[in-house]
Amino acid sequence: MNVAKYLVIALLALPVMELAAFIAVAAAIGVLSALALIATGSFAGLLILRHAGGNHVQRMRIALDGGSFSALRADGTGSLTVLAGILLFIPGFITDALGLILLIAPLRRVLAALLGHTAGIGADRRVVDLPPEQWRRVPDPELPDGHKAGRRS
C-alpha cells in the first residue's frame, strides 16, 4: 500500500478513534470536564490560527493561487504552526495531542527537517528560486557608494 491509502484510512478512522478517546477521558474525569478540555483546545487553536497563522494563511493562499509550490516550501515551521492550530481547533483529544506536539519547537524543527528531506527541500533558506526575468543586481550594503564588489580602495 502506498502512503495515500494509509492517509485515507487514518482520516476515515479518526472520528471513531476520537469518539473512543472521548469516552475514555469522560469515564476517567467526567463528561463536563472532558467537554471543557475539548472547548479549551479548540479555543487555543483559534488563538494560534488568529495570532500566528493569519499572515501565513494569506501567503499560502497567494502562493497556491499563483501555482508556486516553492513559496510554500520556504517556510516549513510556519506551515507546521498553522497545522498545529488547525489540529487544535478540530474538537478531539487525538488531534489536540498532535497539535500540541507540533507546537513544541524542537519536535517541530525535527519534523520540518524530516519533511523537507523526504520532499527534497533544501535547508538553506537564503536561496530564493526566481525565474530569470525577475533577477536584478542589488548593491552590497557593506561597500561604500561607488565601489564595485571585487575592487578594494
N, C-alpha and C. Protein backbone atom coordinates (compact mmCIF):
# COMPACT_ATOMS: atom_id res chain seq x y z
N MET A 1 0.84 -1.19 0.00
CA MET A 1 0.00 0.00 0.00
C MET A 1 0.88 1.25 0.00
N ASN A 2 0.42 2.25 -0.68
CA ASN A 2 1.19 3.48 -0.68
C ASN A 2 0.72 4.39 0.45
N VAL A 3 1.39 5.52 0.60
CA VAL A 3 1.14 6.43 1.71
C VAL A 3 -0.26 7.03 1.63
N ALA A 4 -0.74 7.30 0.43
CA ALA A 4 -2.05 7.91 0.28
C ALA A 4 -3.16 7.01 0.84
N LYS A 5 -3.05 5.72 0.61
CA LYS A 5 -4.05 4.80 1.14
C LYS A 5 -4.04 4.80 2.67
N TYR A 6 -2.85 4.80 3.27
CA TYR A 6 -2.75 4.86 4.73
C TYR A 6 -3.34 6.16 5.26
N LEU A 7 -3.10 7.25 4.55
CA LEU A 7 -3.63 8.54 4.98
C LEU A 7 -5.15 8.57 4.91
N VAL A 8 -5.73 8.02 3.85
CA VAL A 8 -7.18 7.97 3.73
C VAL A 8 -7.78 7.08 4.81
N ILE A 9 -7.17 5.95 5.07
CA ILE A 9 -7.67 5.05 6.13
C ILE A 9 -7.60 5.74 7.48
N ALA A 10 -6.50 6.44 7.75
CA ALA A 10 -6.35 7.15 9.02
C ALA A 10 -7.39 8.26 9.16
N LEU A 11 -7.64 9.00 8.08
CA LEU A 11 -8.64 10.07 8.15
C LEU A 11 -10.05 9.52 8.33
N LEU A 12 -10.33 8.37 7.74
CA LEU A 12 -11.65 7.76 7.92
C LEU A 12 -11.81 7.17 9.32
N ALA A 13 -10.73 6.68 9.90
CA ALA A 13 -10.78 6.09 11.24
C ALA A 13 -10.69 7.14 12.35
N LEU A 14 -10.28 8.36 12.01
CA LEU A 14 -10.08 9.39 13.03
C LEU A 14 -11.34 9.69 13.85
N PRO A 15 -12.52 9.86 13.25
CA PRO A 15 -13.70 10.13 14.08
C PRO A 15 -14.01 8.99 15.06
N VAL A 16 -13.80 7.77 14.65
CA VAL A 16 -14.05 6.63 15.54
C VAL A 16 -13.04 6.64 16.68
N MET A 17 -11.77 6.91 16.36
CA MET A 17 -10.74 6.97 17.40
C MET A 17 -10.98 8.14 18.35
N GLU A 18 -11.44 9.28 17.80
CA GLU A 18 -11.74 10.45 18.65
C GLU A 18 -12.90 10.14 19.59
N LEU A 19 -13.91 9.46 19.09
CA LEU A 19 -15.04 9.10 19.94
C LEU A 19 -14.60 8.15 21.05
N ALA A 20 -13.78 7.17 20.72
CA ALA A 20 -13.27 6.25 21.74
C ALA A 20 -12.42 6.99 22.77
N ALA A 21 -11.60 7.93 22.32
CA ALA A 21 -10.78 8.70 23.24
C ALA A 21 -11.65 9.57 24.14
N PHE A 22 -12.70 10.18 23.57
CA PHE A 22 -13.60 11.00 24.38
C PHE A 22 -14.30 10.16 25.44
N ILE A 23 -14.76 8.98 25.07
CA ILE A 23 -15.44 8.11 26.03
C ILE A 23 -14.48 7.71 27.15
N ALA A 24 -13.23 7.39 26.80
CA ALA A 24 -12.26 7.01 27.82
C ALA A 24 -11.95 8.16 28.76
N VAL A 25 -11.74 9.36 28.20
CA VAL A 25 -11.43 10.52 29.04
C VAL A 25 -12.65 10.91 29.88
N ALA A 26 -13.85 10.86 29.28
CA ALA A 26 -15.07 11.20 30.03
C ALA A 26 -15.30 10.22 31.16
N ALA A 27 -14.98 8.95 30.94
CA ALA A 27 -15.12 7.97 32.02
C ALA A 27 -14.13 8.23 33.14
N ALA A 28 -12.96 8.75 32.80
CA ALA A 28 -11.93 8.98 33.81
C ALA A 28 -12.15 10.28 34.58
N ILE A 29 -12.55 11.37 33.90
CA ILE A 29 -12.63 12.66 34.59
C ILE A 29 -14.03 13.26 34.60
N GLY A 30 -14.96 12.68 33.88
CA GLY A 30 -16.32 13.21 33.82
C GLY A 30 -16.61 13.87 32.49
N VAL A 31 -17.88 13.85 32.12
CA VAL A 31 -18.28 14.36 30.81
C VAL A 31 -18.07 15.86 30.71
N LEU A 32 -18.48 16.61 31.75
CA LEU A 32 -18.34 18.07 31.68
C LEU A 32 -16.87 18.49 31.63
N SER A 33 -16.03 17.81 32.38
CA SER A 33 -14.61 18.14 32.34
C SER A 33 -14.01 17.81 30.97
N ALA A 34 -14.42 16.70 30.38
CA ALA A 34 -13.93 16.33 29.05
C ALA A 34 -14.40 17.35 28.01
N LEU A 35 -15.65 17.78 28.10
CA LEU A 35 -16.15 18.81 27.18
C LEU A 35 -15.41 20.14 27.38
N ALA A 36 -15.09 20.46 28.62
CA ALA A 36 -14.34 21.69 28.90
C ALA A 36 -12.93 21.61 28.30
N LEU A 37 -12.31 20.44 28.39
CA LEU A 37 -10.98 20.26 27.78
C LEU A 37 -11.04 20.42 26.26
N ILE A 38 -12.05 19.86 25.65
CA ILE A 38 -12.19 19.97 24.19
C ILE A 38 -12.44 21.42 23.80
N ALA A 39 -13.29 22.12 24.55
CA ALA A 39 -13.56 23.52 24.25
C ALA A 39 -12.30 24.38 24.43
N THR A 40 -11.52 24.09 25.46
CA THR A 40 -10.28 24.82 25.69
C THR A 40 -9.29 24.58 24.56
N GLY A 41 -9.18 23.35 24.11
CA GLY A 41 -8.29 23.05 23.00
C GLY A 41 -8.70 23.75 21.72
N SER A 42 -9.99 23.78 21.45
CA SER A 42 -10.48 24.47 20.25
C SER A 42 -10.24 25.97 20.35
N PHE A 43 -10.43 26.54 21.53
CA PHE A 43 -10.17 27.97 21.72
C PHE A 43 -8.69 28.28 21.55
N ALA A 44 -7.83 27.41 22.07
CA ALA A 44 -6.39 27.60 21.90
C ALA A 44 -6.01 27.52 20.42
N GLY A 45 -6.60 26.60 19.69
CA GLY A 45 -6.34 26.50 18.26
C GLY A 45 -6.79 27.75 17.52
N LEU A 46 -7.93 28.29 17.91
CA LEU A 46 -8.42 29.52 17.30
C LEU A 46 -7.45 30.67 17.56
N LEU A 47 -6.93 30.77 18.79
CA LEU A 47 -5.98 31.83 19.12
C LEU A 47 -4.69 31.68 18.32
N ILE A 48 -4.22 30.45 18.17
CA ILE A 48 -2.99 30.23 17.41
C ILE A 48 -3.20 30.58 15.95
N LEU A 49 -4.31 30.16 15.38
CA LEU A 49 -4.60 30.50 13.98
C LEU A 49 -4.75 32.00 13.80
N ARG A 50 -5.35 32.65 14.75
CA ARG A 50 -5.55 34.09 14.64
C ARG A 50 -4.25 34.86 14.80
N HIS A 51 -3.42 34.43 15.74
CA HIS A 51 -2.18 35.16 16.03
C HIS A 51 -1.07 34.82 15.04
N ALA A 52 -0.72 33.54 14.98
CA ALA A 52 0.45 33.13 14.18
C ALA A 52 0.08 32.79 12.75
N GLY A 53 -1.15 32.43 12.53
CA GLY A 53 -1.48 31.91 11.22
C GLY A 53 -2.08 32.88 10.23
N GLY A 54 -2.51 34.04 10.67
CA GLY A 54 -3.20 34.96 9.78
C GLY A 54 -2.40 35.34 8.56
N ASN A 55 -1.20 35.85 8.76
CA ASN A 55 -0.37 36.24 7.64
C ASN A 55 0.10 35.03 6.85
N HIS A 56 0.39 33.95 7.54
CA HIS A 56 0.89 32.76 6.86
C HIS A 56 -0.19 32.15 5.96
N VAL A 57 -1.41 32.14 6.43
CA VAL A 57 -2.50 31.60 5.61
C VAL A 57 -2.68 32.46 4.37
N GLN A 58 -2.57 33.79 4.53
CA GLN A 58 -2.69 34.67 3.37
C GLN A 58 -1.57 34.40 2.37
N ARG A 59 -0.33 34.22 2.86
CA ARG A 59 0.80 33.90 1.96
C ARG A 59 0.58 32.57 1.27
N MET A 60 0.06 31.58 2.00
CA MET A 60 -0.21 30.28 1.39
C MET A 60 -1.27 30.39 0.30
N ARG A 61 -2.30 31.18 0.56
CA ARG A 61 -3.37 31.36 -0.41
C ARG A 61 -2.84 32.00 -1.70
N ILE A 62 -2.00 33.01 -1.54
CA ILE A 62 -1.42 33.69 -2.71
C ILE A 62 -0.51 32.73 -3.47
N ALA A 63 0.30 31.96 -2.75
CA ALA A 63 1.21 31.03 -3.40
C ALA A 63 0.45 29.94 -4.16
N LEU A 64 -0.62 29.44 -3.56
CA LEU A 64 -1.40 28.40 -4.23
C LEU A 64 -2.17 28.95 -5.41
N ASP A 65 -2.63 30.20 -5.32
CA ASP A 65 -3.32 30.81 -6.47
C ASP A 65 -2.36 31.00 -7.63
N GLY A 66 -1.10 31.32 -7.32
CA GLY A 66 -0.10 31.50 -8.37
C GLY A 66 0.50 30.20 -8.86
N GLY A 67 0.15 29.10 -8.23
CA GLY A 67 0.68 27.80 -8.64
C GLY A 67 2.13 27.60 -8.24
N SER A 68 2.61 28.32 -7.24
CA SER A 68 4.01 28.25 -6.84
C SER A 68 4.16 27.41 -5.58
N PHE A 69 4.68 26.21 -5.73
CA PHE A 69 4.91 25.36 -4.58
C PHE A 69 6.18 25.77 -3.84
N SER A 70 7.13 26.40 -4.52
CA SER A 70 8.38 26.79 -3.88
C SER A 70 8.16 27.85 -2.82
N ALA A 71 7.14 28.68 -2.96
CA ALA A 71 6.84 29.68 -1.93
C ALA A 71 6.36 29.01 -0.65
N LEU A 72 5.67 27.88 -0.77
CA LEU A 72 5.23 27.16 0.42
C LEU A 72 6.39 26.43 1.09
N ARG A 73 7.37 26.00 0.32
CA ARG A 73 8.49 25.26 0.88
C ARG A 73 9.39 26.14 1.72
N ALA A 74 9.40 27.44 1.49
CA ALA A 74 10.35 28.31 2.15
C ALA A 74 10.11 28.44 3.64
N ASP A 75 8.88 28.24 4.09
CA ASP A 75 8.56 28.47 5.50
C ASP A 75 7.93 27.22 6.10
N GLY A 76 8.74 26.19 6.31
CA GLY A 76 8.22 24.93 6.82
C GLY A 76 7.70 25.01 8.24
N THR A 77 8.41 25.73 9.14
CA THR A 77 7.95 25.79 10.52
C THR A 77 6.69 26.62 10.65
N GLY A 78 6.53 27.65 9.83
CA GLY A 78 5.29 28.43 9.85
C GLY A 78 4.11 27.59 9.42
N SER A 79 4.31 26.75 8.44
CA SER A 79 3.25 25.85 7.99
C SER A 79 2.89 24.86 9.08
N LEU A 80 3.89 24.39 9.80
CA LEU A 80 3.61 23.43 10.88
C LEU A 80 2.89 24.10 12.04
N THR A 81 3.16 25.38 12.29
CA THR A 81 2.43 26.11 13.33
C THR A 81 0.97 26.28 12.94
N VAL A 82 0.72 26.59 11.68
CA VAL A 82 -0.66 26.69 11.20
C VAL A 82 -1.35 25.33 11.29
N LEU A 83 -0.64 24.27 10.93
CA LEU A 83 -1.21 22.93 11.04
C LEU A 83 -1.52 22.59 12.50
N ALA A 84 -0.66 23.00 13.42
CA ALA A 84 -0.91 22.78 14.84
C ALA A 84 -2.17 23.51 15.28
N GLY A 85 -2.35 24.75 14.81
CA GLY A 85 -3.56 25.49 15.14
C GLY A 85 -4.82 24.83 14.59
N ILE A 86 -4.71 24.31 13.37
CA ILE A 86 -5.87 23.63 12.77
C ILE A 86 -6.20 22.36 13.56
N LEU A 87 -5.16 21.61 13.93
CA LEU A 87 -5.40 20.37 14.68
C LEU A 87 -5.98 20.67 16.06
N LEU A 88 -5.53 21.74 16.70
CA LEU A 88 -6.10 22.10 17.99
C LEU A 88 -7.54 22.59 17.85
N PHE A 89 -7.83 23.26 16.76
CA PHE A 89 -9.18 23.79 16.55
C PHE A 89 -10.20 22.68 16.32
N ILE A 90 -9.78 21.59 15.69
CA ILE A 90 -10.67 20.45 15.47
C ILE A 90 -10.95 19.79 16.82
N PRO A 91 -12.22 19.64 17.20
CA PRO A 91 -12.53 19.05 18.50
C PRO A 91 -12.08 17.58 18.58
N GLY A 92 -11.40 17.26 19.65
CA GLY A 92 -10.97 15.89 19.88
C GLY A 92 -9.64 15.84 20.61
N PHE A 93 -9.44 14.75 21.32
CA PHE A 93 -8.22 14.63 22.12
C PHE A 93 -7.02 14.19 21.28
N ILE A 94 -7.24 13.37 20.29
CA ILE A 94 -6.13 12.90 19.45
C ILE A 94 -5.57 14.05 18.62
N THR A 95 -6.45 14.83 18.00
CA THR A 95 -5.98 15.96 17.20
C THR A 95 -5.35 17.02 18.09
N ASP A 96 -5.87 17.19 19.32
CA ASP A 96 -5.25 18.13 20.25
C ASP A 96 -3.84 17.68 20.63
N ALA A 97 -3.67 16.39 20.86
CA ALA A 97 -2.34 15.89 21.21
C ALA A 97 -1.36 16.09 20.05
N LEU A 98 -1.80 15.81 18.83
CA LEU A 98 -0.93 16.03 17.67
C LEU A 98 -0.61 17.51 17.51
N GLY A 99 -1.60 18.38 17.72
CA GLY A 99 -1.37 19.82 17.63
C GLY A 99 -0.40 20.31 18.67
N LEU A 100 -0.51 19.80 19.90
CA LEU A 100 0.42 20.20 20.95
C LEU A 100 1.84 19.72 20.66
N ILE A 101 1.96 18.55 20.09
CA ILE A 101 3.29 18.05 19.70
C ILE A 101 3.91 18.97 18.66
N LEU A 102 3.11 19.44 17.72
CA LEU A 102 3.63 20.34 16.69
C LEU A 102 4.00 21.71 17.24
N LEU A 103 3.47 22.06 18.40
CA LEU A 103 3.81 23.36 18.99
C LEU A 103 5.12 23.34 19.76
N ILE A 104 5.63 22.16 20.06
CA ILE A 104 6.92 22.06 20.76
C ILE A 104 8.02 22.30 19.73
N ALA A 105 8.77 23.38 19.92
CA ALA A 105 9.72 23.84 18.89
C ALA A 105 10.74 22.79 18.46
N PRO A 106 11.41 22.08 19.37
CA PRO A 106 12.39 21.08 18.89
C PRO A 106 11.75 19.98 18.05
N LEU A 107 10.57 19.53 18.44
CA LEU A 107 9.89 18.50 17.65
C LEU A 107 9.44 19.05 16.31
N ARG A 108 9.01 20.31 16.29
CA ARG A 108 8.59 20.93 15.04
C ARG A 108 9.77 21.06 14.08
N ARG A 109 10.95 21.43 14.61
CA ARG A 109 12.14 21.54 13.75
C ARG A 109 12.54 20.18 13.20
N VAL A 110 12.48 19.15 14.02
CA VAL A 110 12.82 17.80 13.56
C VAL A 110 11.83 17.35 12.48
N LEU A 111 10.55 17.60 12.71
CA LEU A 111 9.55 17.21 11.72
C LEU A 111 9.71 17.99 10.42
N ALA A 112 10.00 19.30 10.54
CA ALA A 112 10.22 20.10 9.33
C ALA A 112 11.44 19.61 8.56
N ALA A 113 12.49 19.22 9.29
CA ALA A 113 13.68 18.69 8.62
C ALA A 113 13.37 17.36 7.95
N LEU A 114 12.61 16.51 8.63
CA LEU A 114 12.24 15.22 8.03
C LEU A 114 11.37 15.41 6.80
N LEU A 115 10.38 16.28 6.90
CA LEU A 115 9.51 16.53 5.75
C LEU A 115 10.28 17.19 4.63
N GLY A 116 11.17 18.10 4.97
CA GLY A 116 11.98 18.76 3.95
C GLY A 116 12.92 17.78 3.27
N HIS A 117 13.49 16.86 4.05
CA HIS A 117 14.41 15.88 3.49
C HIS A 117 13.68 14.90 2.58
N THR A 118 12.51 14.45 3.00
CA THR A 118 11.79 13.48 2.17
C THR A 118 11.19 14.13 0.93
N ALA A 119 10.89 15.41 0.99
CA ALA A 119 10.32 16.09 -0.18
C ALA A 119 11.40 16.68 -1.06
N GLY A 120 12.66 16.56 -0.66
CA GLY A 120 13.74 17.11 -1.46
C GLY A 120 13.90 18.60 -1.31
N ILE A 121 13.45 19.14 -0.18
CA ILE A 121 13.52 20.58 0.05
C ILE A 121 14.85 20.88 0.72
N GLY A 122 15.55 21.85 0.20
CA GLY A 122 16.83 22.25 0.77
C GLY A 122 16.65 22.97 2.08
N ALA A 123 17.63 22.87 2.96
CA ALA A 123 17.55 23.52 4.26
C ALA A 123 18.07 24.94 4.23
N ASP A 124 18.70 25.37 3.13
CA ASP A 124 19.27 26.69 3.04
C ASP A 124 18.18 27.69 2.70
N ARG A 125 17.79 28.51 3.69
CA ARG A 125 16.71 29.47 3.47
C ARG A 125 17.20 30.76 2.85
N ARG A 126 18.48 30.90 2.60
CA ARG A 126 19.00 32.10 1.97
C ARG A 126 18.84 32.05 0.46
N VAL A 127 18.57 30.90 -0.08
CA VAL A 127 18.45 30.75 -1.52
C VAL A 127 16.99 30.95 -1.92
N VAL A 128 16.79 31.86 -2.87
CA VAL A 128 15.45 32.11 -3.39
C VAL A 128 15.47 31.75 -4.87
N ASP A 129 14.55 30.91 -5.26
CA ASP A 129 14.47 30.45 -6.64
C ASP A 129 13.57 31.40 -7.42
N LEU A 130 14.18 32.21 -8.31
CA LEU A 130 13.42 33.16 -9.11
C LEU A 130 13.56 32.82 -10.58
N PRO A 131 12.54 33.12 -11.37
CA PRO A 131 12.71 32.99 -12.81
C PRO A 131 13.67 34.07 -13.31
N PRO A 132 14.38 33.83 -14.41
CA PRO A 132 15.39 34.78 -14.89
C PRO A 132 14.87 36.20 -15.11
N GLU A 133 13.61 36.36 -15.48
CA GLU A 133 13.10 37.71 -15.73
C GLU A 133 12.94 38.52 -14.45
N GLN A 134 13.03 37.89 -13.28
CA GLN A 134 12.93 38.61 -12.02
C GLN A 134 14.28 38.88 -11.38
N TRP A 135 15.37 38.45 -12.00
CA TRP A 135 16.70 38.69 -11.44
C TRP A 135 17.05 40.15 -11.58
N ARG A 136 17.75 40.68 -10.61
CA ARG A 136 18.32 42.03 -10.71
C ARG A 136 19.51 42.12 -9.78
N ARG A 137 20.44 42.98 -10.10
CA ARG A 137 21.65 43.16 -9.30
C ARG A 137 21.34 44.13 -8.16
N VAL A 138 21.71 43.73 -6.95
CA VAL A 138 21.49 44.55 -5.77
C VAL A 138 22.86 44.95 -5.23
N PRO A 139 23.08 46.25 -4.98
CA PRO A 139 24.38 46.67 -4.47
C PRO A 139 24.62 46.13 -3.06
N ASP A 140 25.87 45.83 -2.75
CA ASP A 140 26.24 45.32 -1.45
C ASP A 140 26.17 46.46 -0.44
N PRO A 141 25.37 46.34 0.64
CA PRO A 141 25.23 47.44 1.59
C PRO A 141 26.49 47.67 2.43
N GLU A 142 27.41 46.71 2.46
CA GLU A 142 28.62 46.86 3.26
C GLU A 142 29.69 47.68 2.54
N LEU A 143 29.58 47.84 1.23
CA LEU A 143 30.55 48.59 0.47
C LEU A 143 30.15 50.06 0.40
N PRO A 144 31.13 50.99 0.45
CA PRO A 144 30.79 52.40 0.28
C PRO A 144 30.26 52.64 -1.13
N ASP A 145 29.51 53.72 -1.29
CA ASP A 145 28.93 54.04 -2.59
C ASP A 145 30.01 54.21 -3.64
N GLY A 146 29.75 53.73 -4.84
CA GLY A 146 30.67 53.88 -5.96
C GLY A 146 31.70 52.78 -6.07
N HIS A 147 31.79 51.86 -5.14
CA HIS A 147 32.78 50.77 -5.21
C HIS A 147 32.12 49.52 -5.75
N LYS A 148 32.83 48.83 -6.55
CA LYS A 148 32.33 47.56 -7.11
C LYS A 148 32.72 46.43 -6.19
N ALA A 149 32.06 45.28 -6.36
CA ALA A 149 32.21 44.17 -5.44
C ALA A 149 33.61 43.61 -5.38
N GLY A 150 34.36 43.55 -6.45
CA GLY A 150 35.66 42.89 -6.43
C GLY A 150 36.84 43.82 -6.18
N ARG A 151 36.64 45.13 -6.09
CA ARG A 151 37.72 46.09 -6.03
C ARG A 151 37.86 46.68 -4.64
N ARG A 152 39.10 46.83 -4.19
CA ARG A 152 39.37 47.47 -2.90
C ARG A 152 40.01 48.82 -3.12
N SER A 153 39.80 49.74 -2.21
CA SER A 153 40.46 51.05 -2.35
C SER A 153 41.43 51.31 -1.22
